[in-house]
Protein backbone atom coordinates (compact mmCIF):
# COMPACT_ATOMS: atom_id res chain seq x y z
CA MET A 1 5.94 -23.56 3.29
CA GLU A 2 2.35 -24.30 2.44
CA THR A 3 1.19 -21.93 -0.28
CA THR A 4 -2.35 -21.38 -1.41
CA ARG A 5 -2.36 -20.51 -5.09
CA LEU A 6 -5.47 -18.62 -6.07
CA ALA A 7 -6.34 -16.65 -9.19
CA THR A 8 -3.46 -14.24 -8.89
CA PRO A 9 -1.93 -12.16 -11.70
CA SER A 10 0.40 -14.02 -14.01
CA VAL A 11 3.13 -11.37 -14.00
CA ALA A 12 6.37 -13.11 -13.14
CA ALA A 13 8.77 -11.55 -10.68
CA PRO A 14 12.19 -10.69 -12.13
CA PRO A 15 15.37 -12.45 -11.01
CA LEU A 16 16.65 -11.34 -7.64
CA ALA A 17 19.78 -9.76 -9.13
CA ALA A 18 18.98 -6.30 -10.50
CA ALA A 19 20.78 -4.95 -13.54
CA ALA A 20 21.49 -1.66 -11.79
CA ALA A 21 21.76 -0.81 -8.11
CA PRO A 22 19.65 2.27 -7.35
CA ASP A 23 20.49 4.66 -4.52
CA LEU A 24 17.80 3.37 -2.15
CA ALA A 25 18.40 6.08 0.45
CA ALA A 26 17.86 8.79 -2.16
CA VAL A 27 14.78 7.01 -3.49
CA LYS A 28 13.35 6.77 0.03
CA ALA A 29 13.94 10.48 0.64
CA ARG A 30 12.09 11.36 -2.56
CA GLN A 31 9.26 8.99 -1.70
CA GLN A 32 8.91 10.45 1.77
CA ALA A 33 8.69 13.94 0.29
CA ALA A 34 6.07 12.74 -2.20
CA TRP A 35 3.84 11.13 0.43
CA ALA A 36 4.22 14.20 2.67
CA SER A 37 3.03 16.46 -0.14
CA GLY A 38 -0.65 16.99 -0.80
CA ASP A 39 -2.83 15.13 1.69
CA TYR A 40 -3.05 11.37 1.18
CA ALA A 41 -5.86 11.20 3.76
CA VAL A 42 -8.27 12.72 1.22
CA VAL A 43 -7.83 9.57 -0.87
CA GLY A 44 -6.96 7.23 1.98
CA THR A 45 -10.25 7.58 3.85
CA THR A 46 -12.12 6.25 0.81
CA LEU A 47 -10.21 2.96 1.20
CA GLN A 48 -11.45 2.16 4.71
CA ILE A 49 -13.34 -0.94 3.60
CA VAL A 50 -10.03 -2.53 2.60
CA GLY A 51 -8.74 -2.31 6.17
CA GLU A 52 -11.93 -3.87 7.49
CA SER A 53 -11.74 -6.74 5.01
CA LEU A 54 -8.08 -7.38 5.82
CA CYS A 55 -8.73 -7.57 9.57
CA GLU A 56 -11.51 -10.07 8.93
CA ALA A 57 -9.19 -12.15 6.74
CA LEU A 58 -6.69 -12.19 9.62
CA ASP A 59 -9.42 -13.29 12.07
CA LEU A 60 -8.11 -10.80 14.64
CA ARG A 61 -9.13 -11.37 18.26
CA SER A 62 -9.57 -8.85 21.04
CA GLY A 63 -6.43 -8.23 23.05
CA GLN A 64 -4.03 -9.22 20.29
CA SER A 65 -1.10 -6.88 19.66
CA VAL A 66 -1.21 -5.46 16.12
CA LEU A 67 1.38 -3.35 14.31
CA ASP A 68 0.23 -1.26 11.35
CA VAL A 69 3.27 -0.49 9.14
CA ALA A 70 3.23 2.43 6.70
CA ALA A 71 -0.21 3.06 8.16
CA GLY A 72 -0.95 6.31 6.36
CA ASN A 73 -4.06 7.84 7.89
CA GLY A 74 -4.92 4.60 9.63
CA ASN A 75 -7.43 2.44 7.77
CA ALA A 76 -6.10 -0.86 9.10
CA THR A 77 -5.31 0.85 12.41
CA LEU A 78 -8.94 1.81 12.96
CA ALA A 79 -10.22 -1.57 11.78
CA ALA A 80 -8.01 -3.42 14.28
CA ALA A 81 -8.79 -0.99 17.12
CA ARG A 82 -12.52 -1.45 16.48
CA ARG A 83 -11.92 -5.14 17.19
CA TRP A 84 -10.40 -4.27 20.60
CA CYS A 85 -6.86 -5.11 19.59
CA GLU A 86 -3.83 -3.38 21.12
CA VAL A 87 -2.71 -1.39 18.07
CA THR A 88 0.53 0.44 17.31
CA SER A 89 0.25 2.63 14.21
CA THR A 90 3.45 3.66 12.40
CA ASP A 91 4.47 5.66 9.36
CA TYR A 92 7.52 7.68 8.32
CA VAL A 93 5.33 10.73 7.55
CA PRO A 94 4.29 12.29 10.88
CA MET A 95 1.53 14.34 9.24
CA LEU A 96 -0.25 11.15 8.18
CA LEU A 97 -0.06 9.79 11.73
CA ASP A 98 -1.67 13.02 12.91
CA LYS A 99 -4.56 12.32 10.53
CA GLY A 100 -4.92 8.81 11.93
CA ARG A 101 -4.75 10.11 15.50
CA ALA A 102 -7.63 12.53 14.81
CA ARG A 103 -9.77 9.67 13.46
CA VAL A 104 -8.96 7.48 16.47
CA ASP A 105 -9.77 10.29 18.90
CA ALA A 106 -13.07 10.97 17.12
CA GLU A 107 -14.11 7.35 17.73
CA GLY A 108 -12.80 7.17 21.27
CA LEU A 109 -10.41 4.33 20.44
CA LEU A 110 -7.04 3.55 22.05
CA VAL A 111 -4.03 3.39 19.70
CA THR A 112 -0.31 4.04 20.14
CA PHE A 113 1.22 6.17 17.37
CA GLN A 114 4.92 6.15 16.53
CA THR A 115 6.98 7.53 13.65
CA ALA A 116 8.89 4.61 12.14
CA ASP A 117 10.62 3.49 8.96
CA ALA A 118 9.19 0.26 7.55
CA GLU A 119 12.73 -0.87 6.68
CA ALA A 120 14.01 -0.38 10.24
CA LEU A 121 11.16 -0.97 12.68
CA PRO A 122 12.04 0.20 16.24
CA PHE A 123 10.60 -2.88 17.97
CA GLU A 124 12.08 -6.01 19.48
CA ASP A 125 11.90 -9.42 17.83
CA ASP A 126 8.70 -11.48 18.19
CA ARG A 127 6.78 -8.50 19.60
CA PHE A 128 3.40 -8.59 17.79
CA ASP A 129 0.61 -11.09 17.15
CA ALA A 130 -0.14 -9.50 13.75
CA VAL A 131 1.58 -7.05 11.41
CA VAL A 132 -0.57 -5.33 8.80
CA SER A 133 -0.18 -2.93 5.90
CA THR A 134 -2.72 -1.62 3.40
CA PHE A 135 -1.08 -0.18 0.27
CA GLY A 136 1.89 1.00 2.36
CA VAL A 137 4.87 -1.33 2.73
CA MET A 138 4.59 -2.20 -0.97
CA PHE A 139 6.10 1.21 -1.78
CA THR A 140 9.34 0.69 0.17
CA PRO A 141 12.49 0.85 -2.00
CA ASP A 142 14.20 -2.11 -0.30
CA GLN A 143 11.52 -4.77 -0.60
CA GLU A 144 13.48 -7.64 0.96
CA ARG A 145 14.42 -5.59 4.01
CA ALA A 146 10.85 -4.39 4.56
CA ALA A 147 9.47 -7.93 4.37
CA ALA A 148 12.19 -9.20 6.72
CA GLU A 149 11.36 -6.47 9.24
CA MET A 150 7.68 -7.38 9.24
CA LEU A 151 8.58 -11.01 9.98
CA ARG A 152 11.22 -10.10 12.57
CA VAL A 153 8.82 -8.24 14.86
CA LEU A 154 6.13 -10.91 14.47
CA ARG A 155 5.90 -13.73 17.00
CA PRO A 156 6.12 -17.34 15.76
CA GLY A 157 2.70 -18.39 14.54
CA GLY A 158 1.67 -14.76 14.08
CA LYS A 159 0.23 -13.34 10.89
CA VAL A 160 1.28 -10.74 8.34
CA GLY A 161 -1.71 -9.21 6.58
CA MET A 162 -1.33 -7.01 3.51
CA ALA A 163 -3.41 -5.38 0.80
CA ASN A 164 -1.25 -4.73 -2.28
CA TRP A 165 -2.21 -3.35 -5.69
CA THR A 166 -1.60 -5.74 -8.60
CA PRO A 167 0.34 -4.85 -11.77
CA ASP A 168 -2.65 -5.29 -14.07
CA GLY A 169 -5.18 -3.50 -11.87
CA PHE A 170 -6.05 0.18 -12.18
CA ILE A 171 -3.50 1.52 -9.66
CA GLY A 172 -0.78 -0.72 -11.08
CA GLN A 173 -1.55 0.73 -14.50
CA LEU A 174 -1.68 4.24 -13.02
CA PHE A 175 1.92 3.92 -11.86
CA ARG A 176 2.92 2.39 -15.18
CA THR A 177 1.35 5.37 -16.96
CA ILE A 178 3.15 7.84 -14.70
CA GLY A 179 6.40 5.95 -15.27
CA GLY A 180 6.02 6.55 -19.01
CA HIS A 181 6.26 10.28 -18.33
CA VAL A 182 8.46 10.40 -15.22
CA PRO A 183 10.68 7.28 -15.30
CA PRO A 184 11.49 5.66 -11.94
CA ALA A 185 15.07 5.24 -10.74
CA PRO A 186 16.97 2.66 -12.84
CA GLY A 187 17.02 -0.78 -11.25
CA LEU A 188 14.18 -0.05 -8.83
CA ARG A 189 11.63 -2.85 -8.50
CA SER A 190 8.02 -1.99 -9.21
CA PRO A 191 5.86 -1.72 -6.05
CA ALA A 192 3.15 -3.66 -7.91
CA LEU A 193 5.29 -6.81 -7.69
CA TRP A 194 4.00 -7.07 -4.12
CA GLY A 195 0.69 -7.82 -5.81
CA THR A 196 2.00 -11.03 -7.42
CA LEU A 197 2.20 -14.43 -5.75
CA GLN A 198 5.60 -15.11 -7.31
CA ARG A 199 7.20 -12.10 -5.65
CA LEU A 200 5.48 -12.73 -2.33
CA GLU A 201 6.95 -16.23 -2.23
CA GLN A 202 10.39 -14.66 -2.66
CA LEU A 203 9.79 -12.06 0.04
CA PHE A 204 8.32 -14.43 2.65
CA PRO A 205 10.30 -17.70 2.38
CA GLY A 206 10.10 -20.40 5.00
CA CYS A 207 6.72 -19.38 6.38
CA ARG A 208 4.09 -21.82 7.60
CA SER A 209 1.60 -20.67 4.96
CA LEU A 210 0.91 -17.90 2.49
CA THR A 211 -2.48 -17.14 0.95
CA ALA A 212 -3.25 -14.43 -1.59
CA GLU A 213 -6.80 -13.73 -2.66
CA PRO A 214 -7.68 -11.27 -5.46
CA ARG A 215 -10.00 -8.50 -4.34
CA SER A 216 -11.34 -5.37 -6.00
CA PHE A 217 -11.80 -1.85 -4.66
CA ALA A 218 -13.97 0.58 -6.64
CA PHE A 219 -12.89 4.22 -6.83
CA ARG A 220 -16.13 6.24 -7.02
CA TYR A 221 -15.88 9.88 -8.11
CA ARG A 222 -18.18 12.50 -9.63
CA SER A 223 -16.45 12.44 -13.01
CA PRO A 224 -13.07 11.63 -14.58
CA GLU A 225 -12.13 15.29 -14.16
CA HIS A 226 -13.07 15.12 -10.47
CA TRP A 227 -10.85 12.08 -9.95
CA LEU A 228 -7.98 13.81 -11.75
CA SER A 229 -8.42 16.97 -9.68
CA VAL A 230 -8.42 15.06 -6.39
CA PHE A 231 -5.38 12.92 -7.24
CA ARG A 232 -3.46 15.77 -8.82
CA THR A 233 -4.03 17.96 -5.76
CA TRP A 234 -3.83 15.51 -2.86
CA TYR A 235 -2.21 12.21 -3.91
CA GLY A 236 1.54 12.74 -3.53
CA PRO A 237 2.90 10.56 -6.36
CA VAL A 238 0.52 12.10 -8.92
CA LEU A 239 1.08 15.62 -7.57
CA LYS A 240 4.86 15.21 -7.79
CA ALA A 241 4.66 13.69 -11.28
CA PHE A 242 2.84 16.73 -12.63
CA ALA A 243 5.20 19.08 -10.77
CA ALA A 244 8.21 17.39 -12.39
CA LEU A 245 6.97 18.06 -15.94
CA PRO A 246 6.83 21.22 -18.07
CA GLU A 247 3.37 22.41 -19.04
CA ALA A 248 3.20 20.70 -22.44
CA GLN A 249 4.17 17.35 -20.92
CA GLN A 250 1.69 17.85 -18.10
CA ALA A 251 -1.04 18.02 -20.73
CA ALA A 252 0.18 14.74 -22.22
CA LEU A 253 0.14 13.05 -18.81
CA GLU A 254 -3.37 14.37 -18.15
CA HIS A 255 -4.51 12.98 -21.49
CA ASP A 256 -3.08 9.55 -20.71
CA LEU A 257 -4.59 9.45 -17.22
CA LEU A 258 -8.03 10.35 -18.53
CA ALA A 259 -7.67 7.63 -21.18
CA LEU A 260 -6.74 5.16 -18.43
CA LEU A 261 -9.82 6.14 -16.44
CA ASP A 262 -12.00 5.67 -19.51
CA ARG A 263 -10.57 2.19 -20.05
CA PHE A 264 -11.40 1.03 -16.50
CA ASP A 265 -14.61 3.01 -15.86
CA THR A 266 -17.75 0.88 -15.49
CA ALA A 267 -20.25 3.58 -14.44
CA GLY A 268 -21.82 4.55 -17.77
CA ASP A 269 -23.76 7.46 -16.23
CA GLY A 270 -21.33 10.38 -16.26
CA THR A 271 -19.86 9.58 -12.86
CA ILE A 272 -16.98 7.11 -12.66
CA VAL A 273 -16.69 3.74 -10.96
CA VAL A 274 -13.19 2.37 -11.44
CA PRO A 275 -12.51 -1.14 -10.07
CA SER A 276 -8.91 -1.65 -9.01
CA GLU A 277 -7.60 -5.13 -8.30
CA TYR A 278 -5.48 -5.85 -5.24
CA LEU A 279 -4.29 -8.95 -3.40
CA GLU A 280 -5.44 -9.62 0.14
CA ILE A 281 -2.51 -11.50 1.68
CA VAL A 282 -2.16 -13.53 4.87
CA VAL A 283 1.24 -14.95 5.80
CA VAL A 284 1.62 -17.19 8.85
CA LYS A 285 5.10 -17.16 10.38
CA ALA A 286 6.67 -20.51 11.17
């Protein structure tokens, strides 16, 4: 496999053997409930530029068949459909697909929507020209299975395109901060490992090529308190973290999140501009 090594984070992936075997089915059920809570689309729509950038990195052509996995409210879906691709948009939260469908209808685009689990995609082998995911598949409990499914449904010579948060970027640190208050299941791999070249090489072995380019997305909100209000109300993982804690511990989590925002904020004018690093990934199947 030809690998392009760019300026990616230096966090090493752990050995493949985990010290403890988590109940992945139970973890998935909790994750599904978390993403179904609140309304991810409130946050998701602000990330549209990431889907556009990813589709450009993939050099998508009109008429190509594209599968968006863990599509959420459809950022990569819309970007591919705007390029006249034949798009199938999937997620395991039907409400999020409904949000994507409304956006597609508003633009008069043609997209097929289907409820699907990223770890068990209901499509035949070698079906799609491209498989994409923006900040979606990286949250699957069984990382190896999810990566294998993306490759399975991709035709030889086709491309996997992903946007994944890095461990050291703002969202990676957000989940680390939450984990300090609401610990994840023992033995569960961090989703942010999908934002490291080392882990990607483990997940996509034997491919023709793999490139990973660091990018940055800036969260722009009225104030730190505004960001906290939006994420606490609408972003499932943050909403569920606060709900899992008694009031005194909620205050401690709020304090730590505001401190994290202050550390990353570059605005300097009372609003907040918080750059968050992610990897833009293109994998070419052999």
